[in-house]
């Protein structure tokens, strides 16, 4: 079973839960993009809202890239991050990726 199949069989379909989609995005963005593509083929009217926790600068840039591509029906993509994390890659958040500020204490 390949990683896409494991992802699709990993439980309830997360399109109903933006935070679950965010977790899947953080696990593996490449597999996540394949999931978006497959779900869009199955249901062309599907729309996605994604809320991910900050993982690193590369994930923030991946989120920006997914939004900028315009290939996927994403209504919103937000990343929960501290002010310090936000400042690591302000550019990613200027492109449509929304910033949800969290306190350092809440991050732990």
PDB file of N, CA and C in Angstrom:
ATOM      1  N   UNK A   1       0.850  -1.169   0.000  1.00  0.00           N
ATOM      2  CA  UNK A   1       0.000   0.000   0.000  1.00  0.00           C
ATOM      3  C   UNK A   1       0.901   1.239   0.000  1.00  0.00           C
ATOM      4  N   UNK A   2       0.683   2.146  -0.955  1.00  0.00           N
ATOM      5  CA  UNK A   2       1.525   3.336  -1.010  1.00  0.00           C
ATOM      6  C   UNK A   2       1.026   4.398  -0.029  1.00  0.00           C
ATOM      7  N   UNK A   3       1.800   5.476   0.100  1.00  0.00           N
ATOM      8  CA  UNK A   3       1.491   6.488   1.106  1.00  0.00           C
ATOM      9  C   UNK A   3       0.172   7.207   0.818  1.00  0.00           C
ATOM     10  N   UNK A   4      -0.202   7.360  -0.418  1.00  0.00           N
ATOM     11  CA  UNK A   4      -1.486   8.000  -0.752  1.00  0.00           C
ATOM     12  C   UNK A   4      -2.635   7.108  -0.307  1.00  0.00           C
ATOM     13  N   UNK A   5      -2.534   5.825  -0.580  1.00  0.00           N
ATOM     14  CA  UNK A   5      -3.586   4.894  -0.146  1.00  0.00           C
ATOM     15  C   UNK A   5      -3.715   4.888   1.372  1.00  0.00           C
ATOM     16  N   UNK A   6      -2.575   4.872   2.078  1.00  0.00           N
ATOM     17  CA  UNK A   6      -2.616   4.913   3.545  1.00  0.00           C
ATOM     18  C   UNK A   6      -3.283   6.194   4.029  1.00  0.00           C
ATOM     19  N   UNK A   7      -2.960   7.292   3.381  1.00  0.00           N
ATOM     20  CA  UNK A   7      -3.559   8.570   3.756  1.00  0.00           C
ATOM     21  C   UNK A   7      -5.069   8.541   3.559  1.00  0.00           C
ATOM     22  N   UNK A   8      -5.513   8.032   2.429  1.00  0.00           N
ATOM     23  CA  UNK A   8      -6.945   8.012   2.133  1.00  0.00           C
ATOM     24  C   UNK A   8      -7.697   7.059   3.047  1.00  0.00           C
ATOM     25  N   UNK A   9      -7.018   6.005   3.525  1.00  0.00           N
ATOM     26  CA  UNK A   9      -7.672   5.037   4.388  1.00  0.00           C
ATOM     27  C   UNK A   9      -7.451   5.339   5.867  1.00  0.00           C
ATOM     28  N   UNK A  10      -6.864   6.495   6.151  1.00  0.00           N
ATOM     29  CA  UNK A  10      -6.450   6.790   7.531  1.00  0.00           C
ATOM     30  C   UNK A  10      -7.583   7.243   8.441  1.00  0.00           C
ATOM     31  N   UNK A  11      -8.792   7.104   8.025  1.00  0.00           N
ATOM     32  CA  UNK A  11      -9.900   7.485   8.901  1.00  0.00           C
ATOM     33  C   UNK A  11     -10.930   8.294   8.152  1.00  0.00           C
ATOM     34  N   UNK A  12     -11.694   9.056   8.907  1.00  0.00           N
ATOM     35  CA  UNK A  12     -12.741   9.865   8.285  1.00  0.00           C
ATOM     36  C   UNK A  12     -12.108  10.898   7.372  1.00  0.00           C
ATOM     37  N   UNK A  13     -12.825  11.254   6.345  1.00  0.00           N
ATOM     38  CA  UNK A  13     -12.275  12.216   5.408  1.00  0.00           C
ATOM     39  C   UNK A  13     -12.203  13.577   6.066  1.00  0.00           C
ATOM     40  N   UNK A  14     -11.022  14.165   6.108  1.00  0.00           N
ATOM     41  CA  UNK A  14     -10.799  15.363   6.887  1.00  0.00           C
ATOM     42  C   UNK A  14     -11.301  16.657   6.254  1.00  0.00           C
ATOM     43  N   UNK A  15     -11.911  16.624   5.054  1.00  0.00           N
ATOM     44  CA  UNK A  15     -12.351  17.873   4.451  1.00  0.00           C
ATOM     45  C   UNK A  15     -13.403  18.568   5.308  1.00  0.00           C
ATOM     46  N   UNK A  16     -14.011  17.845   6.238  1.00  0.00           N
ATOM     47  CA  UNK A  16     -14.993  18.441   7.122  1.00  0.00           C
ATOM     48  C   UNK A  16     -14.327  19.156   8.292  1.00  0.00           C
ATOM     49  N   UNK A  17     -13.062  18.915   8.516  1.00  0.00           N
ATOM     50  CA  UNK A  17     -12.367  19.457   9.665  1.00  0.00           C
ATOM     51  C   UNK A  17     -11.087  20.164   9.216  1.00  0.00           C
ATOM     52  N   UNK A  18     -11.078  21.499   9.197  1.00  0.00           N
ATOM     53  CA  UNK A  18      -9.895  22.234   8.733  1.00  0.00           C
ATOM     54  C   UNK A  18      -8.622  21.909   9.514  1.00  0.00           C
ATOM     55  N   UNK A  19      -8.736  21.644  10.812  1.00  0.00           N
ATOM     56  CA  UNK A  19      -7.540  21.330  11.598  1.00  0.00           C
ATOM     57  C   UNK A  19      -7.003  19.945  11.280  1.00  0.00           C
ATOM     58  N   UNK A  20      -7.874  19.002  10.972  1.00  0.00           N
ATOM     59  CA  UNK A  20      -7.420  17.670  10.563  1.00  0.00           C
ATOM     60  C   UNK A  20      -6.692  17.765   9.219  1.00  0.00           C
ATOM     61  N   UNK A  21      -7.215  18.584   8.319  1.00  0.00           N
ATOM     62  CA  UNK A  21      -6.517  18.808   7.051  1.00  0.00           C
ATOM     63  C   UNK A  21      -5.139  19.401   7.307  1.00  0.00           C
ATOM     64  N   UNK A  22      -5.042  20.322   8.250  1.00  0.00           N
ATOM     65  CA  UNK A  22      -3.754  20.919   8.591  1.00  0.00           C
ATOM     66  C   UNK A  22      -2.762  19.898   9.108  1.00  0.00           C
ATOM     67  N   UNK A  23      -3.236  18.966   9.913  1.00  0.00           N
ATOM     68  CA  UNK A  23      -2.359  17.902  10.411  1.00  0.00           C
ATOM     69  C   UNK A  23      -1.850  17.047   9.259  1.00  0.00           C
ATOM     70  N   UNK A  24      -2.732  16.717   8.340  1.00  0.00           N
ATOM     71  CA  UNK A  24      -2.327  15.908   7.182  1.00  0.00           C
ATOM     72  C   UNK A  24      -1.324  16.664   6.322  1.00  0.00           C
ATOM     73  N   UNK A  25      -1.539  17.965   6.149  1.00  0.00           N
ATOM     74  CA  UNK A  25      -0.595  18.793   5.399  1.00  0.00           C
ATOM     75  C   UNK A  25       0.781  18.752   6.057  1.00  0.00           C
ATOM     76  N   UNK A  26       0.827  18.885   7.378  1.00  0.00           N
ATOM     77  CA  UNK A  26       2.107  18.887   8.088  1.00  0.00           C
ATOM     78  C   UNK A  26       2.800  17.539   8.056  1.00  0.00           C
ATOM     79  N   UNK A  27       2.044  16.450   7.944  1.00  0.00           N
ATOM     80  CA  UNK A  27       2.657  15.119   7.868  1.00  0.00           C
ATOM     81  C   UNK A  27       3.477  14.968   6.596  1.00  0.00           C
ATOM     82  N   UNK A  28       2.877  15.336   5.465  1.00  0.00           N
ATOM     83  CA  UNK A  28       3.565  15.168   4.183  1.00  0.00           C
ATOM     84  C   UNK A  28       2.853  16.009   3.119  1.00  0.00           C
ATOM     85  N   UNK A  29       3.384  17.197   2.797  1.00  0.00           N
ATOM     86  CA  UNK A  29       2.723  18.063   1.818  1.00  0.00           C
ATOM     87  C   UNK A  29       2.536  17.425   0.437  1.00  0.00           C
ATOM     88  N   UNK A  30       3.463  16.594   0.010  1.00  0.00           N
ATOM     89  CA  UNK A  30       3.348  15.966  -1.315  1.00  0.00           C
ATOM     90  C   UNK A  30       2.160  15.005  -1.349  1.00  0.00           C
ATOM     91  N   UNK A  31       2.026  14.179  -0.327  1.00  0.00           N
ATOM     92  CA  UNK A  31       0.888  13.265  -0.242  1.00  0.00           C
ATOM     93  C   UNK A  31      -0.402  14.065  -0.083  1.00  0.00           C
ATOM     94  N   UNK A  32      -0.337  15.156   0.665  1.00  0.00           N
ATOM     95  CA  UNK A  32      -1.505  16.012   0.863  1.00  0.00           C
ATOM     96  C   UNK A  32      -1.991  16.594  -0.462  1.00  0.00           C
ATOM     97  N   UNK A  33      -1.068  17.038  -1.305  1.00  0.00           N
ATOM     98  CA  UNK A  33      -1.444  17.573  -2.620  1.00  0.00           C
ATOM     99  C   UNK A  33      -2.102  16.484  -3.460  1.00  0.00           C
ATOM    100  N   UNK A  34      -1.595  15.277  -3.393  1.00  0.00           N
ATOM    101  CA  UNK A  34      -2.217  14.161  -4.119  1.00  0.00           C
ATOM    102  C   UNK A  34      -3.632  13.926  -3.623  1.00  0.00           C
ATOM    103  N   UNK A  35      -3.811  14.033  -2.319  1.00  0.00           N
ATOM    104  CA  UNK A  35      -5.149  13.886  -1.735  1.00  0.00           C
ATOM    105  C   UNK A  35      -6.081  14.974  -2.266  1.00  0.00           C
ATOM    106  N   UNK A  36      -5.634  16.218  -2.275  1.00  0.00           N
ATOM    107  CA  UNK A  36      -6.469  17.305  -2.798  1.00  0.00           C
ATOM    108  C   UNK A  36      -6.864  17.038  -4.249  1.00  0.00           C
ATOM    109  N   UNK A  37      -5.899  16.591  -5.026  1.00  0.00           N
ATOM    110  CA  UNK A  37      -6.148  16.305  -6.443  1.00  0.00           C
ATOM    111  C   UNK A  37      -7.185  15.188  -6.595  1.00  0.00           C
ATOM    112  N   UNK A  38      -7.035  14.115  -5.834  1.00  0.00           N
ATOM    113  CA  UNK A  38      -7.975  12.991  -5.935  1.00  0.00           C
ATOM    114  C   UNK A  38      -9.378  13.386  -5.490  1.00  0.00           C
ATOM    115  N   UNK A  39      -9.458  14.124  -4.376  1.00  0.00           N
ATOM    116  CA  UNK A  39     -10.773  14.532  -3.875  1.00  0.00           C
ATOM    117  C   UNK A  39     -11.459  15.492  -4.836  1.00  0.00           C
ATOM    118  N   UNK A  40     -10.698  16.353  -5.475  1.00  0.00           N
ATOM    119  CA  UNK A  40     -11.259  17.299  -6.435  1.00  0.00           C
ATOM    120  C   UNK A  40     -11.761  16.568  -7.679  1.00  0.00           C
ATOM    121  N   UNK A  41     -11.048  15.526  -8.090  1.00  0.00           N
ATOM    122  CA  UNK A  41     -11.517  14.734  -9.234  1.00  0.00           C
ATOM    123  C   UNK A  41     -12.819  14.021  -8.900  1.00  0.00           C
ATOM    124  N   UNK A  42     -12.912  13.484  -7.678  1.00  0.00           N
ATOM    125  CA  UNK A  42     -14.126  12.770  -7.270  1.00  0.00           C
ATOM    126  C   UNK A  42     -15.310  13.717  -7.093  1.00  0.00           C
ATOM    127  N   UNK A  43     -15.037  14.906  -6.601  1.00  0.00           N
ATOM    128  CA  UNK A  43     -16.103  15.860  -6.316  1.00  0.00           C
ATOM    129  C   UNK A  43     -15.639  17.258  -6.737  1.00  0.00           C
ATOM    130  N   UNK A  44     -15.916  17.655  -7.982  1.00  0.00           N
ATOM    131  CA  UNK A  44     -15.428  18.943  -8.490  1.00  0.00           C
ATOM    132  C   UNK A  44     -15.954  20.166  -7.741  1.00  0.00           C
ATOM    133  N   UNK A  45     -16.997  20.003  -6.929  1.00  0.00           N
ATOM    134  CA  UNK A  45     -17.537  21.149  -6.197  1.00  0.00           C
ATOM    135  C   UNK A  45     -16.985  21.271  -4.780  1.00  0.00           C
ATOM    136  N   UNK A  46     -16.092  20.360  -4.389  1.00  0.00           N
ATOM    137  CA  UNK A  46     -15.549  20.379  -3.030  1.00  0.00           C
ATOM    138  C   UNK A  46     -14.719  21.644  -2.811  1.00  0.00           C
ATOM    139  N   UNK A  47     -14.750  22.165  -1.598  1.00  0.00           N
ATOM    140  CA  UNK A  47     -13.957  23.328  -1.197  1.00  0.00           C
ATOM    141  C   UNK A  47     -13.210  22.970   0.086  1.00  0.00           C
ATOM    142  N   UNK A  48     -12.009  23.457   0.221  1.00  0.00           N
ATOM    143  CA  UNK A  48     -11.185  23.138   1.380  1.00  0.00           C
ATOM    144  C   UNK A  48     -10.868  24.382   2.198  1.00  0.00           C
ATOM    145  N   UNK A  49     -10.893  24.243   3.501  1.00  0.00           N
ATOM    146  CA  UNK A  49     -10.399  25.222   4.455  1.00  0.00           C
ATOM    147  C   UNK A  49      -9.396  24.472   5.324  1.00  0.00           C
ATOM    148  N   UNK A  50      -8.216  25.051   5.472  1.00  0.00           N
ATOM    149  CA  UNK A  50      -7.125  24.346   6.144  1.00  0.00           C
ATOM    150  C   UNK A  50      -6.574  25.221   7.269  1.00  0.00           C
ATOM    151  N   UNK A  51      -6.397  24.613   8.437  1.00  0.00           N
ATOM    152  CA  UNK A  51      -5.757  25.286   9.569  1.00  0.00           C
ATOM    153  C   UNK A  51      -4.643  24.370  10.065  1.00  0.00           C
ATOM    154  N   UNK A  52      -3.404  24.822   9.877  1.00  0.00           N
ATOM    155  CA  UNK A  52      -2.247  24.019  10.272  1.00  0.00           C
ATOM    156  C   UNK A  52      -1.494  24.699  11.413  1.00  0.00           C
ATOM    157  N   UNK A  53      -0.843  23.901  12.224  1.00  0.00           N
ATOM    158  CA  UNK A  53       0.074  24.437  13.225  1.00  0.00           C
ATOM    159  C   UNK A  53       1.396  24.735  12.524  1.00  0.00           C
ATOM    160  N   UNK A  54       2.115  25.725  13.029  1.00  0.00           N
ATOM    161  CA  UNK A  54       3.444  26.030  12.500  1.00  0.00           C
ATOM    162  C   UNK A  54       4.339  24.816  12.675  1.00  0.00           C
ATOM    163  N   UNK A  55       5.034  24.456  11.615  1.00  0.00           N
ATOM    164  CA  UNK A  55       6.018  23.383  11.718  1.00  0.00           C
ATOM    165  C   UNK A  55       7.400  23.940  11.442  1.00  0.00           C
ATOM    166  N   UNK A  56       7.547  24.617  10.301  1.00  0.00           N
ATOM    167  CA  UNK A  56       8.817  25.239   9.950  1.00  0.00           C
ATOM    168  C   UNK A  56       8.603  26.162   8.747  1.00  0.00           C
ATOM    169  N   UNK A  57       9.669  26.860   8.379  1.00  0.00           N
ATOM    170  CA  UNK A  57       9.586  27.808   7.257  1.00  0.00           C
ATOM    171  C   UNK A  57       9.221  27.083   5.962  1.00  0.00           C
ATOM    172  N   UNK A  58       9.753  25.894   5.764  1.00  0.00           N
ATOM    173  CA  UNK A  58       9.468  25.156   4.528  1.00  0.00           C
ATOM    174  C   UNK A  58       7.975  24.832   4.404  1.00  0.00           C
ATOM    175  N   UNK A  59       7.335  24.503   5.508  1.00  0.00           N
ATOM    176  CA  UNK A  59       5.889  24.211   5.459  1.00  0.00           C
ATOM    177  C   UNK A  59       5.098  25.485   5.159  1.00  0.00           C
ATOM    178  N   UNK A  60       5.520  26.612   5.730  1.00  0.00           N
ATOM    179  CA  UNK A  60       4.840  27.882   5.438  1.00  0.00           C
ATOM    180  C   UNK A  60       4.967  28.211   3.944  1.00  0.00           C
ATOM    181  N   UNK A  61       6.136  27.986   3.397  1.00  0.00           N
ATOM    182  CA  UNK A  61       6.339  28.242   1.961  1.00  0.00           C
ATOM    183  C   UNK A  61       5.567  27.254   1.094  1.00  0.00           C
ATOM    184  N   UNK A  62       5.446  26.014   1.557  1.00  0.00           N
ATOM    185  CA  UNK A  62       4.645  25.026   0.824  1.00  0.00           C
ATOM    186  C   UNK A  62       3.178  25.455   0.799  1.00  0.00           C
ATOM    187  N   UNK A  63       2.680  25.963   1.922  1.00  0.00           N
ATOM    188  CA  UNK A  63       1.294  26.448   1.978  1.00  0.00           C
ATOM    189  C   UNK A  63       1.116  27.596   0.991  1.00  0.00           C
ATOM    190  N   UNK A  64       2.055  28.518   0.964  1.00  0.00           N
ATOM    191  CA  UNK A  64       2.018  29.637   0.023  1.00  0.00           C
ATOM    192  C   UNK A  64       2.012  29.125  -1.412  1.00  0.00           C
ATOM    193  N   UNK A  65       2.858  28.139  -1.689  1.00  0.00           N
ATOM    194  CA  UNK A  65       2.933  27.578  -3.046  1.00  0.00           C
ATOM    195  C   UNK A  65       1.631  26.921  -3.487  1.00  0.00           C
ATOM    196  N   UNK A  66       1.013  26.200  -2.566  1.00  0.00           N
ATOM    197  CA  UNK A  66      -0.263  25.552  -2.890  1.00  0.00           C
ATOM    198  C   UNK A  66      -1.319  26.605  -3.209  1.00  0.00           C
ATOM    199  N   UNK A  67      -1.393  27.645  -2.389  1.00  0.00           N
ATOM    200  CA  UNK A  67      -2.372  28.713  -2.639  1.00  0.00           C
ATOM    201  C   UNK A  67      -2.064  29.457  -3.932  1.00  0.00           C
ATOM    202  N   UNK A  68      -0.800  29.818  -4.123  1.00  0.00           N
ATOM    203  CA  UNK A  68      -0.411  30.585  -5.303  1.00  0.00           C
ATOM    204  C   UNK A  68      -0.645  29.823  -6.605  1.00  0.00           C
ATOM    205  N   UNK A  69      -0.600  28.495  -6.545  1.00  0.00           N
ATOM    206  CA  UNK A  69      -0.772  27.706  -7.770  1.00  0.00           C
ATOM    207  C   UNK A  69      -2.178  27.854  -8.343  1.00  0.00           C
ATOM    208  N   UNK A  70      -3.152  28.060  -7.476  1.00  0.00           N
ATOM    209  CA  UNK A  70      -4.535  28.181  -7.939  1.00  0.00           C
ATOM    210  C   UNK A  70      -5.124  26.885  -8.464  1.00  0.00           C
ATOM    211  N   UNK A  71      -4.446  25.794  -8.281  1.00  0.00           N
ATOM    212  CA  UNK A  71      -4.903  24.498  -8.815  1.00  0.00           C
ATOM    213  C   UNK A  71      -5.940  23.807  -7.948  1.00  0.00           C
ATOM    214  N   UNK A  72      -6.014  24.203  -6.692  1.00  0.00           N
ATOM    215  CA  UNK A  72      -6.863  23.470  -5.758  1.00  0.00           C
ATOM    216  C   UNK A  72      -7.939  24.391  -5.190  1.00  0.00           C
ATOM    217  N   UNK A  73      -9.120  23.851  -4.962  1.00  0.00           N
ATOM    218  CA  UNK A  73     -10.239  24.674  -4.487  1.00  0.00           C
ATOM    219  C   UNK A  73     -10.150  24.957  -2.981  1.00  0.00           C
ATOM    220  N   UNK A  74      -9.206  25.814  -2.635  1.00  0.00           N
ATOM    221  CA  UNK A  74      -8.978  26.146  -1.229  1.00  0.00           C
ATOM    222  C   UNK A  74      -9.571  27.522  -0.954  1.00  0.00           C
ATOM    223  N   UNK A  75     -10.501  27.561  -0.030  1.00  0.00           N
ATOM    224  CA  UNK A  75     -11.100  28.840   0.356  1.00  0.00           C
ATOM    225  C   UNK A  75     -10.215  29.594   1.328  1.00  0.00           C
ATOM    226  N   UNK A  76      -9.550  28.869   2.223  1.00  0.00           N
ATOM    227  CA  UNK A  76      -8.640  29.531   3.157  1.00  0.00           C
ATOM    228  C   UNK A  76      -7.575  28.550   3.636  1.00  0.00           C
ATOM    229  N   UNK A  77      -6.416  29.122   3.915  1.00  0.00           N
ATOM    230  CA  UNK A  77      -5.306  28.350   4.466  1.00  0.00           C
ATOM    231  C   UNK A  77      -4.713  29.210   5.566  1.00  0.00           C
ATOM    232  N   UNK A  78      -4.771  28.724   6.783  1.00  0.00           N
ATOM    233  CA  UNK A  78      -4.257  29.472   7.928  1.00  0.00           C
ATOM    234  C   UNK A  78      -3.222  28.637   8.662  1.00  0.00           C
ATOM    235  N   UNK A  79      -2.241  29.336   9.227  1.00  0.00           N
ATOM    236  CA  UNK A  79      -1.217  28.678  10.030  1.00  0.00           C
ATOM    237  C   UNK A  79      -1.189  29.338  11.401  1.00  0.00           C
ATOM    238  N   UNK A  80      -1.291  28.500  12.435  1.00  0.00           N
ATOM    239  CA  UNK A  80      -1.175  28.987  13.814  1.00  0.00           C
ATOM    240  C   UNK A  80       0.309  29.100  14.147  1.00  0.00           C
ATOM    241  N   UNK A  81       0.730  30.309  14.548  1.00  0.00           N
ATOM    242  CA  UNK A  81       2.146  30.532  14.820  1.00  0.00           C
ATOM    243  C   UNK A  81       2.315  31.652  15.843  1.00  0.00           C
ATOM    244  N   UNK A  82       3.430  31.593  16.553  1.00  0.00           N
ATOM    245  CA  UNK A  82       3.774  32.694  17.456  1.00  0.00           C
ATOM    246  C   UNK A  82       4.257  33.867  16.610  1.00  0.00           C
ATOM    247  N   UNK A  83       4.383  35.014  17.223  1.00  0.00           N
ATOM    248  CA  UNK A  83       4.897  36.204  16.529  1.00  0.00           C
ATOM    249  C   UNK A  83       6.300  35.934  15.989  1.00  0.00           C
ATOM    250  N   UNK A  84       7.130  35.264  16.773  1.00  0.00           N
ATOM    251  CA  UNK A  84       8.494  34.957  16.342  1.00  0.00           C
ATOM    252  C   UNK A  84       8.501  34.046  15.116  1.00  0.00           C
ATOM    253  N   UNK A  85       7.635  33.026  15.116  1.00  0.00           N
ATOM    254  CA  UNK A  85       7.546  32.125  13.966  1.00  0.00           C
ATOM    255  C   UNK A  85       7.045  32.878  12.742  1.00  0.00           C
ATOM    256  N   UNK A  86       6.040  33.707  12.926  1.00  0.00           N
ATOM    257  CA  UNK A  86       5.502  34.527  11.842  1.00  0.00           C
ATOM    258  C   UNK A  86       6.609  35.362  11.205  1.00  0.00           C
ATOM    259  N   UNK A  87       7.451  35.954  12.032  1.00  0.00           N
ATOM    260  CA  UNK A  87       8.514  36.826  11.532  1.00  0.00           C
ATOM    261  C   UNK A  87       9.612  36.058  10.795  1.00  0.00           C
ATOM    262  N   UNK A  88       9.684  34.736  10.987  1.00  0.00           N
ATOM    263  CA  UNK A  88      10.669  33.932  10.259  1.00  0.00           C
ATOM    264  C   UNK A  88      10.389  33.924   8.755  1.00  0.00           C
ATOM    265  N   UNK A  89       9.122  34.051   8.377  1.00  0.00           N
ATOM    266  CA  UNK A  89       8.780  34.045   6.950  1.00  0.00           C
ATOM    267  C   UNK A  89       7.514  34.863   6.708  1.00  0.00           C
ATOM    268  N   UNK A  90       7.623  36.162   6.932  1.00  0.00           N
ATOM    269  CA  UNK A  90       6.490  37.065   6.753  1.00  0.00           C
ATOM    270  C   UNK A  90       5.934  36.957   5.341  1.00  0.00           C
ATOM    271  N   UNK A  91       6.792  36.741   4.364  1.00  0.00           N
ATOM    272  CA  UNK A  91       6.367  36.678   2.970  1.00  0.00           C
ATOM    273  C   UNK A  91       5.293  35.619   2.728  1.00  0.00           C
ATOM    274  N   UNK A  92       5.412  34.476   3.369  1.00  0.00           N
ATOM    275  CA  UNK A  92       4.406  33.417   3.185  1.00  0.00           C
ATOM    276  C   UNK A  92       3.036  33.888   3.637  1.00  0.00           C
ATOM    277  N   UNK A  93       3.014  34.721   4.651  1.00  0.00           N
ATOM    278  CA  UNK A  93       1.738  35.193   5.185  1.00  0.00           C
ATOM    279  C   UNK A  93       1.200  36.406   4.424  1.00  0.00           C
ATOM    280  N   UNK A  94       1.993  36.980   3.543  1.00  0.00           N
ATOM    281  CA  UNK A  94       1.538  38.122   2.750  1.00  0.00           C
ATOM    282  C   UNK A  94       0.829  37.673   1.478  1.00  0.00           C
ATOM    283  N   UNK A  95       0.837  36.393   1.211  1.00  0.00           N
ATOM    284  CA  UNK A  95       0.339  35.885  -0.064  1.00  0.00           C
ATOM    285  C   UNK A  95      -1.047  35.270   0.017  1.00  0.00           C
ATOM    286  N   UNK A  96      -1.697  35.391   1.133  1.00  0.00           N
ATOM    287  CA  UNK A  96      -3.008  34.772   1.262  1.00  0.00           C
ATOM    288  C   UNK A  96      -3.074  33.739   2.363  1.00  0.00           C
ATOM    289  N   UNK A  97      -1.922  33.238   2.797  1.00  0.00           N
ATOM    290  CA  UNK A  97      -1.910  32.350   3.947  1.00  0.00           C
ATOM    291  C   UNK A  97      -2.184  33.229   5.167  1.00  0.00           C
ATOM    292  N   UNK A  98      -3.198  32.862   5.924  1.00  0.00           N
ATOM    293  CA  UNK A  98      -3.573  33.667   7.082  1.00  0.00           C
ATOM    294  C   UNK A  98      -2.752  33.246   8.299  1.00  0.00           C
ATOM    295  N   UNK A  99      -2.474  34.217   9.146  1.00  0.00           N
ATOM    296  CA  UNK A  99      -1.737  33.973  10.379  1.00  0.00           C
ATOM    297  C   UNK A  99      -2.713  33.992  11.538  1.00  0.00           C
ATOM    298  N   UNK A 100      -2.724  32.921  12.301  1.00  0.00           N
ATOM    299  CA  UNK A 100      -3.482  32.855  13.559  1.00  0.00           C
ATOM    300  C   UNK A 100      -2.442  32.916  14.660  1.00  0.00           C
ATOM    301  N   UNK A 101      -2.400  34.052  15.366  1.00  0.00           N
ATOM    302  CA  UNK A 101      -1.376  34.225  16.395  1.00  0.00           C
ATOM    303  C   UNK A 101      -1.692  33.379  17.629  1.00  0.00           C
ATOM    304  N   UNK A 102      -0.674  32.694  18.081  1.00  0.00           N
ATOM    305  CA  UNK A 102      -0.772  31.921  19.326  1.00  0.00           C
ATOM    306  C   UNK A 102       0.319  32.407  20.266  1.00  0.00           C
ATOM    307  N   UNK A 103       0.071  32.297  21.559  1.00  0.00           N
ATOM    308  CA  UNK A 103       1.066  32.661  22.563  1.00  0.00           C
ATOM    309  C   UNK A 103       2.073  31.531  22.696  1.00  0.00           C
ATOM    310  N   UNK A 104       3.264  31.865  23.101  1.00  0.00           N
ATOM    311  CA  UNK A 104       4.298  30.833  23.311  1.00  0.00           C
ATOM    312  C   UNK A 104       3.813  29.767  24.277  1.00  0.00           C
ATOM    313  N   UNK A 105       3.112  30.155  25.323  1.00  0.00           N
ATOM    314  CA  UNK A 105       2.611  29.195  26.316  1.00  0.00           C
ATOM    315  C   UNK A 105       1.605  28.245  25.683  1.00  0.00           C
ATOM    316  N   UNK A 106       0.797  28.753  24.768  1.00  0.00           N
ATOM    317  CA  UNK A 106      -0.220  27.907  24.111  1.00  0.00           C
ATOM    318  C   UNK A 106       0.424  26.936  23.131  1.00  0.00           C
ATOM    319  N   UNK A 107       1.605  27.283  22.629  1.00  0.00           N
ATOM    320  CA  UNK A 107       2.287  26.451  21.655  1.00  0.00           C
ATOM    321  C   UNK A 107       2.759  25.135  22.266  1.00  0.00           C
ATOM    322  N   UNK A 108       3.086  25.122  23.533  1.00  0.00           N
ATOM    323  CA  UNK A 108       3.644  23.939  24.187  1.00  0.00           C
ATOM    324  C   UNK A 108       2.653  22.898  24.440  1.00  0.00           C
TER     325      UNK A 108
END
